[in-house]
Amino acid sequence: MKLNLHSSLIFAILLSLVGIAIVTSQGTPTRLTTNSAASMNKSPVSMEQQPIDESGVIDGAKNPEKIPDHVAYSLFFRMICCRKDAEEQSQGRAYVRRLGLDETGIDTLIAMAEEFYQRIAVVEIQAAEITTRYHPNHLNPTADEKGHLKQLQKRKEEIIDDIVASFPSRLGDDGSVKVNQFVKENVKRKVKIR
């Protein structure tokens, strides 16, 4: 199990680097934002251009609003999913309990994180197949492969959007607000991206 967790972490880091490479190769990254709690229930995010500072780093501690929602929710779901043994599950539940959800809400949110992981795994495997093909020689993927990586990134964001949009129906309005607030006020503040 430790090897599986270790492999999952390496895979998550690799995929994050792919996402960063895609964003970097496009020049200016995009930011996902929500305008209101009401819009979150219908469409969790909308796209708009967001410039980065001179160093190329967006620091969530200083500017949490500049961290894309899909990045924050992806990290959040990964923190609470795929906990195999009793100790890991207990730690995951303790983390989720900070949101103020009842036990049913905690179970539902953990199930949603597991759903995220299952749905995203196929996309991440496809992206890893492309990027690892070039890693040893540090060659660049072809234009077609870059296009495919962009499509995979878009699919990943659609999966996240779909799960986030289901918060109100699965967690209730109160639970949805708690999760969204936690991600925006806590998760985003601990993220730095390039």
C-alpha atoms as a PDB file:
ATOM      1  CA  MET A   1       0.000   0.000   0.000  1.00  0.00           C
ATOM      2  CA  LYS A   2       2.865   2.369   0.721  1.00  0.00           C
ATOM      3  CA  LEU A   3       4.208   1.741  -2.779  1.00  0.00           C
ATOM      4  CA  ASN A   4       0.759   2.446  -4.239  1.00  0.00           C
ATOM      5  CA  LEU A   5       0.470   5.706  -2.285  1.00  0.00           C
ATOM      6  CA  HIS A   6       4.022   6.635  -3.253  1.00  0.00           C
ATOM      7  CA  SER A   7       3.291   5.887  -6.918  1.00  0.00           C
ATOM      8  CA  SER A   8       0.076   7.898  -6.728  1.00  0.00           C
ATOM      9  CA  LEU A   9       1.925  10.885  -5.290  1.00  0.00           C
ATOM     10  CA  ILE A  10       4.614  10.720  -7.974  1.00  0.00           C
ATOM     11  CA  PHE A  11       1.915  10.439 -10.622  1.00  0.00           C
ATOM     12  CA  ALA A  12       0.036  13.445  -9.178  1.00  0.00           C
ATOM     13  CA  ILE A  13       3.225  15.516  -9.158  1.00  0.00           C
ATOM     14  CA  LEU A  14       3.992  14.498 -12.733  1.00  0.00           C
ATOM     15  CA  LEU A  15       0.512  15.449 -13.862  1.00  0.00           C
ATOM     16  CA  SER A  16       0.727  18.775 -12.055  1.00  0.00           C
ATOM     17  CA  LEU A  17       3.946  19.480 -13.925  1.00  0.00           C
ATOM     18  CA  VAL A  18       2.175  18.637 -17.171  1.00  0.00           C
ATOM     19  CA  GLY A  19      -0.570  21.114 -16.321  1.00  0.00           C
ATOM     20  CA  ILE A  20       1.989  23.757 -15.469  1.00  0.00           C
ATOM     21  CA  ALA A  21       3.833  23.051 -18.708  1.00  0.00           C
ATOM     22  CA  ILE A  22       0.627  23.451 -20.677  1.00  0.00           C
ATOM     23  CA  VAL A  23      -0.175  26.722 -18.956  1.00  0.00           C
ATOM     24  CA  THR A  24       3.392  27.964 -19.381  1.00  0.00           C
ATOM     25  CA  SER A  25       3.509  26.990 -23.055  1.00  0.00           C
ATOM     26  CA  GLN A  26       0.379  29.060 -23.682  1.00  0.00           C
ATOM     27  CA  GLY A  27       1.951  32.198 -22.262  1.00  0.00           C
ATOM     28  CA  THR A  28      -0.480  33.800 -19.850  1.00  0.00           C
ATOM     29  CA  PRO A  29      -2.374  31.292 -17.689  1.00  0.00           C
ATOM     30  CA  THR A  30      -6.101  31.518 -17.288  1.00  0.00           C
ATOM     31  CA  ARG A  31      -7.915  31.845 -14.033  1.00  0.00           C
ATOM     32  CA  LEU A  32     -11.176  30.233 -13.088  1.00  0.00           C
ATOM     33  CA  THR A  33     -13.420  32.330 -10.925  1.00  0.00           C
ATOM     34  CA  THR A  34     -16.905  32.392  -9.542  1.00  0.00           C
ATOM     35  CA  ASN A  35     -18.928  35.547  -9.343  1.00  0.00           C
ATOM     36  CA  SER A  36     -21.359  34.497  -6.635  1.00  0.00           C
ATOM     37  CA  ALA A  37     -22.632  31.549  -4.656  1.00  0.00           C
ATOM     38  CA  ALA A  38     -25.693  31.447  -6.906  1.00  0.00           C
ATOM     39  CA  SER A  39     -23.585  31.149 -10.054  1.00  0.00           C
ATOM     40  CA  MET A  40     -21.598  28.359  -8.405  1.00  0.00           C
ATOM     41  CA  ASN A  41     -24.724  26.229  -8.193  1.00  0.00           C
ATOM     42  CA  LYS A  42     -25.297  26.475 -11.959  1.00  0.00           C
ATOM     43  CA  SER A  43     -21.835  26.823 -13.441  1.00  0.00           C
ATOM     44  CA  PRO A  44     -18.995  26.543 -10.924  1.00  0.00           C
ATOM     45  CA  VAL A  45     -16.435  28.548 -12.860  1.00  0.00           C
ATOM     46  CA  SER A  46     -15.975  30.983 -15.698  1.00  0.00           C
ATOM     47  CA  MET A  47     -12.777  31.721 -17.595  1.00  0.00           C
ATOM     48  CA  GLU A  48     -10.952  35.043 -17.691  1.00  0.00           C
ATOM     49  CA  GLN A  49      -7.348  36.014 -18.352  1.00  0.00           C
ATOM     50  CA  GLN A  50      -5.137  36.577 -15.313  1.00  0.00           C
ATOM     51  CA  PRO A  51      -1.586  37.958 -15.565  1.00  0.00           C
ATOM     52  CA  ILE A  52       1.205  36.596 -13.382  1.00  0.00           C
ATOM     53  CA  ASP A  53       3.977  38.504 -11.595  1.00  0.00           C
ATOM     54  CA  GLU A  54       7.493  39.063 -12.962  1.00  0.00           C
ATOM     55  CA  SER A  55       8.879  35.879 -11.398  1.00  0.00           C
ATOM     56  CA  GLY A  56       6.133  33.809 -12.994  1.00  0.00           C
ATOM     57  CA  VAL A  57       4.869  32.545  -9.622  1.00  0.00           C
ATOM     58  CA  ILE A  58       1.346  32.982  -8.362  1.00  0.00           C
ATOM     59  CA  ASP A  59       1.401  32.782  -4.558  1.00  0.00           C
ATOM     60  CA  GLY A  60      -1.963  31.853  -3.083  1.00  0.00           C
ATOM     61  CA  ALA A  61      -0.947  33.221   0.314  1.00  0.00           C
ATOM     62  CA  LYS A  62      -0.743  36.680  -1.244  1.00  0.00           C
ATOM     63  CA  ASN A  63      -3.307  36.381  -4.027  1.00  0.00           C
ATOM     64  CA  PRO A  64      -5.643  33.412  -3.482  1.00  0.00           C
ATOM     65  CA  GLU A  65      -8.046  34.782  -6.089  1.00  0.00           C
ATOM     66  CA  LYS A  66      -5.374  34.178  -8.750  1.00  0.00           C
ATOM     67  CA  ILE A  67      -5.186  30.445  -8.061  1.00  0.00           C
ATOM     68  CA  PRO A  68      -7.439  28.689 -10.593  1.00  0.00           C
ATOM     69  CA  ASP A  69     -10.392  26.902  -9.038  1.00  0.00           C
ATOM     70  CA  HIS A  70      -9.603  23.689 -10.899  1.00  0.00           C
ATOM     71  CA  VAL A  71      -6.129  23.616  -9.331  1.00  0.00           C
ATOM     72  CA  ALA A  72      -7.471  24.176  -5.813  1.00  0.00           C
ATOM     73  CA  TYR A  73     -10.304  21.644  -6.093  1.00  0.00           C
ATOM     74  CA  SER A  74      -8.002  19.048  -7.654  1.00  0.00           C
ATOM     75  CA  LEU A  75      -5.594  19.384  -4.722  1.00  0.00           C
ATOM     76  CA  PHE A  76      -8.463  19.348  -2.228  1.00  0.00           C
ATOM     77  CA  PHE A  77      -9.975  16.161  -3.676  1.00  0.00           C
ATOM     78  CA  ARG A  78      -6.549  14.493  -3.737  1.00  0.00           C
ATOM     79  CA  MET A  79      -6.012  15.323  -0.061  1.00  0.00           C
ATOM     80  CA  ILE A  80      -9.117  13.417   0.968  1.00  0.00           C
ATOM     81  CA  CYS A  81      -9.357  10.560  -1.533  1.00  0.00           C
ATOM     82  CA  CYS A  82      -7.701   7.179  -1.785  1.00  0.00           C
ATOM     83  CA  ARG A  83      -6.976   6.654   1.882  1.00  0.00           C
ATOM     84  CA  LYS A  84      -6.578   2.912   2.254  1.00  0.00           C
ATOM     85  CA  ASP A  85      -5.854   1.923   5.848  1.00  0.00           C
ATOM     86  CA  ALA A  86      -7.795   2.892   8.969  1.00  0.00           C
ATOM     87  CA  GLU A  87      -5.248   5.474  10.108  1.00  0.00           C
ATOM     88  CA  GLU A  88      -5.218   7.265   6.745  1.00  0.00           C
ATOM     89  CA  GLN A  89      -9.025   7.205   6.611  1.00  0.00           C
ATOM     90  CA  SER A  90      -9.202   8.660  10.098  1.00  0.00           C
ATOM     91  CA  GLN A  91      -6.804  11.447   9.110  1.00  0.00           C
ATOM     92  CA  GLY A  92      -8.867  12.176   5.992  1.00  0.00           C
ATOM     93  CA  ARG A  93     -12.089  12.354   7.985  1.00  0.00           C
ATOM     94  CA  ALA A  94     -10.439  14.654  10.543  1.00  0.00           C
ATOM     95  CA  TYR A  95      -9.338  16.972   7.740  1.00  0.00           C
ATOM     96  CA  VAL A  96     -12.835  17.051   6.208  1.00  0.00           C
ATOM     97  CA  ARG A  97     -14.427  17.534   9.641  1.00  0.00           C
ATOM     98  CA  ARG A  98     -12.755  20.989   9.727  1.00  0.00           C
ATOM     99  CA  LEU A  99     -15.326  22.096   7.158  1.00  0.00           C
ATOM    100  CA  GLY A 100     -18.171  21.735   9.664  1.00  0.00           C
ATOM    101  CA  LEU A 101     -20.045  19.010   7.774  1.00  0.00           C
ATOM    102  CA  ASP A 102     -22.072  16.358   9.585  1.00  0.00           C
ATOM    103  CA  GLU A 103     -21.043  12.674   9.277  1.00  0.00           C
ATOM    104  CA  THR A 104     -23.302  12.137   6.260  1.00  0.00           C
ATOM    105  CA  GLY A 105     -21.789  15.183   4.566  1.00  0.00           C
ATOM    106  CA  ILE A 106     -18.289  13.929   5.340  1.00  0.00           C
ATOM    107  CA  ASP A 107     -19.098  10.523   3.832  1.00  0.00           C
ATOM    108  CA  THR A 108     -20.595  12.180   0.757  1.00  0.00           C
ATOM    109  CA  LEU A 109     -17.631  14.498   0.234  1.00  0.00           C
ATOM    110  CA  ILE A 110     -15.146  11.643   0.589  1.00  0.00           C
ATOM    111  CA  ALA A 111     -17.181   9.634  -1.944  1.00  0.00           C
ATOM    112  CA  MET A 112     -17.083  12.638  -4.296  1.00  0.00           C
ATOM    113  CA  ALA A 113     -13.295  12.831  -3.926  1.00  0.00           C
ATOM    114  CA  GLU A 114     -13.048   9.115  -4.728  1.00  0.00           C
ATOM    115  CA  GLU A 115     -15.277   9.694  -7.777  1.00  0.00           C
ATOM    116  CA  PHE A 116     -12.954  12.528  -8.841  1.00  0.00           C
ATOM    117  CA  TYR A 117      -9.947  10.238  -8.574  1.00  0.00           C
ATOM    118  CA  GLN A 118     -11.588   7.448 -10.575  1.00  0.00           C
ATOM    119  CA  ARG A 119     -12.742   9.787 -13.339  1.00  0.00           C
ATOM    120  CA  ILE A 120      -9.492  11.730 -13.546  1.00  0.00           C
ATOM    121  CA  ALA A 121      -7.203   8.668 -13.515  1.00  0.00           C
ATOM    122  CA  VAL A 122      -7.922   7.796 -17.147  1.00  0.00           C
ATOM    123  CA  VAL A 123      -7.114  11.341 -18.265  1.00  0.00           C
ATOM    124  CA  GLU A 124      -3.930  11.471 -16.201  1.00  0.00           C
ATOM    125  CA  ILE A 125      -2.696   8.134 -17.523  1.00  0.00           C
ATOM    126  CA  GLN A 126      -3.136   9.358 -21.095  1.00  0.00           C
ATOM    127  CA  ALA A 127      -1.256  12.587 -20.309  1.00  0.00           C
ATOM    128  CA  ALA A 128       1.523  10.694 -18.547  1.00  0.00           C
ATOM    129  CA  GLU A 129       1.951   8.394 -21.545  1.00  0.00           C
ATOM    130  CA  ILE A 130       2.630  11.429 -23.730  1.00  0.00           C
ATOM    131  CA  THR A 131       4.902  13.298 -21.330  1.00  0.00           C
ATOM    132  CA  THR A 132       6.956  10.338 -20.112  1.00  0.00           C
ATOM    133  CA  ARG A 133       7.671   9.342 -23.703  1.00  0.00           C
ATOM    134  CA  TYR A 134       9.894  12.422 -23.968  1.00  0.00           C
ATOM    135  CA  HIS A 135      11.236  12.711 -20.429  1.00  0.00           C
ATOM    136  CA  PRO A 136      14.550  10.793 -20.676  1.00  0.00           C
ATOM    137  CA  ASN A 137      15.808  12.883 -23.608  1.00  0.00           C
ATOM    138  CA  HIS A 138      14.003  16.100 -22.660  1.00  0.00           C
ATOM    139  CA  LEU A 139      12.502  16.329 -26.123  1.00  0.00           C
ATOM    140  CA  ASN A 140       9.383  18.358 -26.746  1.00  0.00           C
ATOM    141  CA  PRO A 141       6.104  16.660 -27.661  1.00  0.00           C
ATOM    142  CA  THR A 142       4.891  17.161 -31.219  1.00  0.00           C
ATOM    143  CA  ALA A 143       2.278  19.797 -32.034  1.00  0.00           C
ATOM    144  CA  ASP A 144      -0.397  17.083 -32.228  1.00  0.00           C
ATOM    145  CA  GLU A 145       0.611  15.739 -28.836  1.00  0.00           C
ATOM    146  CA  LYS A 146       0.585  19.236 -27.336  1.00  0.00           C
ATOM    147  CA  GLY A 147      -2.918  19.636 -28.716  1.00  0.00           C
ATOM    148  CA  HIS A 148      -3.903  16.319 -27.191  1.00  0.00           C
ATOM    149  CA  LEU A 149      -2.426  17.373 -23.826  1.00  0.00           C
ATOM    150  CA  LYS A 150      -4.494  20.574 -23.973  1.00  0.00           C
ATOM    151  CA  GLN A 151      -7.615  18.518 -24.680  1.00  0.00           C
ATOM    152  CA  LEU A 152      -6.817  16.246 -21.742  1.00  0.00           C
ATOM    153  CA  GLN A 153      -6.319  19.269 -19.477  1.00  0.00           C
ATOM    154  CA  LYS A 154      -9.676  20.646 -20.628  1.00  0.00           C
ATOM    155  CA  ARG A 155     -11.318  17.274 -19.922  1.00  0.00           C
ATOM    156  CA  LYS A 156      -9.775  17.242 -16.440  1.00  0.00           C
ATOM    157  CA  GLU A 157     -11.170  20.723 -15.760  1.00  0.00           C
ATOM    158  CA  GLU A 158     -14.610  19.620 -17.029  1.00  0.00           C
ATOM    159  CA  ILE A 159     -14.591  16.690 -14.596  1.00  0.00           C
ATOM    160  CA  ILE A 160     -13.733  19.012 -11.714  1.00  0.00           C
ATOM    161  CA  ASP A 161     -16.412  21.505 -12.817  1.00  0.00           C
ATOM    162  CA  ASP A 162     -18.972  18.697 -12.989  1.00  0.00           C
ATOM    163  CA  ILE A 163     -18.229  17.466  -9.478  1.00  0.00           C
ATOM    164  CA  VAL A 164     -18.150  20.979  -8.000  1.00  0.00           C
ATOM    165  CA  ALA A 165     -21.459  21.787  -9.725  1.00  0.00           C
ATOM    166  CA  SER A 166     -22.987  18.740  -8.009  1.00  0.00           C
ATOM    167  CA  PHE A 167     -22.156  20.028  -4.494  1.00  0.00           C
ATOM    168  CA  PRO A 168     -25.595  21.594  -3.831  1.00  0.00           C
ATOM    169  CA  SER A 169     -27.522  18.496  -4.889  1.00  0.00           C
ATOM    170  CA  ARG A 170     -25.243  16.101  -3.029  1.00  0.00           C
ATOM    171  CA  LEU A 171     -24.178  18.145   0.016  1.00  0.00           C
ATOM    172  CA  GLY A 172     -27.070  20.597   0.248  1.00  0.00           C
ATOM    173  CA  ASP A 173     -26.732  24.356  -0.068  1.00  0.00           C
ATOM    174  CA  ASP A 174     -25.119  24.731   3.366  1.00  0.00           C
ATOM    175  CA  GLY A 175     -22.588  21.957   2.739  1.00  0.00           C
ATOM    176  CA  SER A 176     -21.816  23.357  -0.698  1.00  0.00           C
ATOM    177  CA  VAL A 177     -21.104  26.807   0.734  1.00  0.00           C
ATOM    178  CA  LYS A 178     -18.872  25.313   3.451  1.00  0.00           C
ATOM    179  CA  VAL A 179     -16.776  23.336   0.988  1.00  0.00           C
ATOM    180  CA  ASN A 180     -16.428  26.196  -1.486  1.00  0.00           C
ATOM    181  CA  GLN A 181     -15.510  28.627   1.287  1.00  0.00           C
ATOM    182  CA  PHE A 182     -12.931  26.216   2.726  1.00  0.00           C
ATOM    183  CA  VAL A 183     -11.264  25.714  -0.660  1.00  0.00           C
ATOM    184  CA  LYS A 184     -11.143  29.431  -1.360  1.00  0.00           C
ATOM    185  CA  GLU A 185      -9.997  30.501   2.121  1.00  0.00           C
ATOM    186  CA  ASN A 186      -7.701  27.608   3.046  1.00  0.00           C
ATOM    187  CA  VAL A 187      -6.597  25.481   0.106  1.00  0.00           C
ATOM    188  CA  LYS A 188      -5.864  28.328  -2.308  1.00  0.00           C
ATOM    189  CA  ARG A 189      -3.757  30.118   0.315  1.00  0.00           C
ATOM    190  CA  LYS A 190      -1.387  27.152   0.470  1.00  0.00           C
ATOM    191  CA  VAL A 191      -0.773  26.915  -3.277  1.00  0.00           C
ATOM    192  CA  LYS A 192       1.989  28.357  -5.419  1.00  0.00           C
ATOM    193  CA  ILE A 193       1.923  27.813  -9.163  1.00  0.00           C
ATOM    194  CA  ARG A 194       4.023  28.943 -12.083  1.00  0.00           C
END
